[in-house]
């Protein structure tokens, strides 16, 4: 965390933030992103988000997972029909396209 924050963060500092006996010690908000990145657990960041931002993030995650499922289904259909799935932006050349060119 020290390297990411540019501030020396000692284990004793982190311990004091979680110790019940040391109420005055508060975890600095500036440490949250680095802490979550290092631990690989982003629940603290989500907890601190406003409800609207948390909802938008969750919506984006759902859309992303639905898109992944759709791509998997397209790949399976392509495999079963013997056709490769076309990547977005590429169109299969047809007689109509050939005439237009």
C-alpha atoms as a PDB file:
ATOM      1  CA  UNK A   1       0.000   0.000   0.000  1.00  0.00           C
ATOM      2  CA  UNK A   2       2.848   2.355   0.747  1.00  0.00           C
ATOM      3  CA  UNK A   3       4.069   2.274  -2.852  1.00  0.00           C
ATOM      4  CA  UNK A   4       0.610   2.831  -4.282  1.00  0.00           C
ATOM      5  CA  UNK A   5      -0.250   5.658  -1.905  1.00  0.00           C
ATOM      6  CA  UNK A   6       3.117   7.361  -1.625  1.00  0.00           C
ATOM      7  CA  UNK A   7       2.678   7.304   2.161  1.00  0.00           C
ATOM      8  CA  UNK A   8       4.316   4.893   4.581  1.00  0.00           C
ATOM      9  CA  UNK A   9       1.642   2.497   5.833  1.00  0.00           C
ATOM     10  CA  UNK A  10       2.797   0.247   8.658  1.00  0.00           C
ATOM     11  CA  UNK A  11       1.097  -2.972   9.757  1.00  0.00           C
ATOM     12  CA  UNK A  12       0.611  -1.402  13.192  1.00  0.00           C
ATOM     13  CA  UNK A  13      -1.404   1.391  11.548  1.00  0.00           C
ATOM     14  CA  UNK A  14      -3.700  -1.111   9.877  1.00  0.00           C
ATOM     15  CA  UNK A  15      -4.053  -3.007  13.144  1.00  0.00           C
ATOM     16  CA  UNK A  16      -5.065   0.166  14.981  1.00  0.00           C
ATOM     17  CA  UNK A  17      -7.851   0.808  12.454  1.00  0.00           C
ATOM     18  CA  UNK A  18      -9.434  -2.562  13.213  1.00  0.00           C
ATOM     19  CA  UNK A  19      -8.760  -2.731  16.968  1.00  0.00           C
ATOM     20  CA  UNK A  20     -11.880  -2.285  19.083  1.00  0.00           C
ATOM     21  CA  UNK A  21      -9.806  -0.822  21.889  1.00  0.00           C
ATOM     22  CA  UNK A  22      -8.632   2.090  19.705  1.00  0.00           C
ATOM     23  CA  UNK A  23     -11.798   3.966  18.804  1.00  0.00           C
ATOM     24  CA  UNK A  24     -10.133   7.255  17.743  1.00  0.00           C
ATOM     25  CA  UNK A  25      -8.199   5.582  14.892  1.00  0.00           C
ATOM     26  CA  UNK A  26     -10.098   5.969  11.619  1.00  0.00           C
ATOM     27  CA  UNK A  27      -9.293   4.353   8.318  1.00  0.00           C
ATOM     28  CA  UNK A  28      -8.516   7.145   5.820  1.00  0.00           C
ATOM     29  CA  UNK A  29     -10.811   7.234   2.786  1.00  0.00           C
ATOM     30  CA  UNK A  30      -7.728   7.823   0.610  1.00  0.00           C
ATOM     31  CA  UNK A  31      -6.570   4.292   1.517  1.00  0.00           C
ATOM     32  CA  UNK A  32      -9.763   2.525   0.392  1.00  0.00           C
ATOM     33  CA  UNK A  33      -8.995   2.010  -3.312  1.00  0.00           C
ATOM     34  CA  UNK A  34      -5.445   0.772  -2.674  1.00  0.00           C
ATOM     35  CA  UNK A  35      -6.607  -1.470   0.178  1.00  0.00           C
ATOM     36  CA  UNK A  36      -9.324  -3.059  -1.965  1.00  0.00           C
ATOM     37  CA  UNK A  37      -6.974  -3.541  -4.909  1.00  0.00           C
ATOM     38  CA  UNK A  38      -4.311  -5.216  -2.774  1.00  0.00           C
ATOM     39  CA  UNK A  39      -6.742  -7.496  -0.934  1.00  0.00           C
ATOM     40  CA  UNK A  40      -8.733  -8.261  -4.087  1.00  0.00           C
ATOM     41  CA  UNK A  41     -11.954  -7.602  -2.153  1.00  0.00           C
ATOM     42  CA  UNK A  42     -13.990  -4.604  -3.280  1.00  0.00           C
ATOM     43  CA  UNK A  43     -16.855  -4.879  -0.779  1.00  0.00           C
ATOM     44  CA  UNK A  44     -15.597  -1.856   1.164  1.00  0.00           C
ATOM     45  CA  UNK A  45     -15.689   0.315  -1.970  1.00  0.00           C
ATOM     46  CA  UNK A  46     -19.189  -0.912  -2.793  1.00  0.00           C
ATOM     47  CA  UNK A  47     -20.338  -0.234   0.752  1.00  0.00           C
ATOM     48  CA  UNK A  48     -19.096   3.355   0.523  1.00  0.00           C
ATOM     49  CA  UNK A  49     -20.783   4.012  -2.836  1.00  0.00           C
ATOM     50  CA  UNK A  50     -23.999   5.970  -2.989  1.00  0.00           C
ATOM     51  CA  UNK A  51     -27.001   3.714  -3.724  1.00  0.00           C
ATOM     52  CA  UNK A  52     -27.423   5.142  -7.238  1.00  0.00           C
ATOM     53  CA  UNK A  53     -23.785   4.458  -8.173  1.00  0.00           C
ATOM     54  CA  UNK A  54     -23.939   0.984  -6.653  1.00  0.00           C
ATOM     55  CA  UNK A  55     -27.097   0.286  -8.687  1.00  0.00           C
ATOM     56  CA  UNK A  56     -25.442   1.488 -11.889  1.00  0.00           C
ATOM     57  CA  UNK A  57     -22.408  -0.700 -11.227  1.00  0.00           C
ATOM     58  CA  UNK A  58     -24.601  -3.735 -10.597  1.00  0.00           C
ATOM     59  CA  UNK A  59     -26.603  -3.022 -13.762  1.00  0.00           C
ATOM     60  CA  UNK A  60     -23.375  -2.834 -15.778  1.00  0.00           C
ATOM     61  CA  UNK A  61     -22.216  -6.141 -14.309  1.00  0.00           C
ATOM     62  CA  UNK A  62     -25.518  -7.802 -15.222  1.00  0.00           C
ATOM     63  CA  UNK A  63     -25.375  -6.461 -18.781  1.00  0.00           C
ATOM     64  CA  UNK A  64     -21.793  -7.655 -19.118  1.00  0.00           C
ATOM     65  CA  UNK A  65     -22.663 -11.153 -17.907  1.00  0.00           C
ATOM     66  CA  UNK A  66     -25.727 -11.300 -20.201  1.00  0.00           C
ATOM     67  CA  UNK A  67     -23.549 -10.316 -23.140  1.00  0.00           C
ATOM     68  CA  UNK A  68     -21.068 -13.048 -22.255  1.00  0.00           C
ATOM     69  CA  UNK A  69     -23.903 -15.617 -22.111  1.00  0.00           C
ATOM     70  CA  UNK A  70     -25.213 -14.414 -25.480  1.00  0.00           C
ATOM     71  CA  UNK A  71     -21.761 -14.785 -27.037  1.00  0.00           C
ATOM     72  CA  UNK A  72     -21.462 -18.301 -25.603  1.00  0.00           C
ATOM     73  CA  UNK A  73     -24.855 -19.195 -27.077  1.00  0.00           C
ATOM     74  CA  UNK A  74     -23.856 -17.767 -30.472  1.00  0.00           C
ATOM     75  CA  UNK A  75     -20.644 -19.789 -30.384  1.00  0.00           C
ATOM     76  CA  UNK A  76     -22.607 -22.949 -29.567  1.00  0.00           C
ATOM     77  CA  UNK A  77     -25.088 -22.321 -32.403  1.00  0.00           C
ATOM     78  CA  UNK A  78     -22.188 -21.686 -34.772  1.00  0.00           C
ATOM     79  CA  UNK A  79     -20.518 -24.904 -33.647  1.00  0.00           C
ATOM     80  CA  UNK A  80     -23.700 -26.942 -34.098  1.00  0.00           C
ATOM     81  CA  UNK A  81     -24.504 -25.473 -37.514  1.00  0.00           C
ATOM     82  CA  UNK A  82     -20.914 -25.609 -38.740  1.00  0.00           C
ATOM     83  CA  UNK A  83     -20.686 -21.859 -39.242  1.00  0.00           C
ATOM     84  CA  UNK A  84     -18.290 -19.584 -37.459  1.00  0.00           C
ATOM     85  CA  UNK A  85     -19.798 -16.727 -35.489  1.00  0.00           C
ATOM     86  CA  UNK A  86     -19.173 -13.391 -37.169  1.00  0.00           C
ATOM     87  CA  UNK A  87     -17.435 -10.761 -35.123  1.00  0.00           C
ATOM     88  CA  UNK A  88     -19.235  -7.469 -34.649  1.00  0.00           C
ATOM     89  CA  UNK A  89     -18.570  -5.046 -37.466  1.00  0.00           C
ATOM     90  CA  UNK A  90     -17.739  -7.693 -40.068  1.00  0.00           C
ATOM     91  CA  UNK A  91     -20.405  -8.654 -42.553  1.00  0.00           C
ATOM     92  CA  UNK A  92     -20.455 -11.778 -44.597  1.00  0.00           C
ATOM     93  CA  UNK A  93     -19.967 -11.032 -48.289  1.00  0.00           C
ATOM     94  CA  UNK A  94     -23.165 -11.684 -50.223  1.00  0.00           C
ATOM     95  CA  UNK A  95     -24.156 -11.279 -53.890  1.00  0.00           C
ATOM     96  CA  UNK A  96     -26.016  -8.104 -52.977  1.00  0.00           C
ATOM     97  CA  UNK A  97     -22.903  -6.612 -51.351  1.00  0.00           C
ATOM     98  CA  UNK A  98     -20.778  -7.656 -54.319  1.00  0.00           C
ATOM     99  CA  UNK A  99     -23.155  -5.833 -56.716  1.00  0.00           C
ATOM    100  CA  UNK A 100     -23.061  -2.686 -54.557  1.00  0.00           C
ATOM    101  CA  UNK A 101     -19.256  -2.609 -54.759  1.00  0.00           C
END
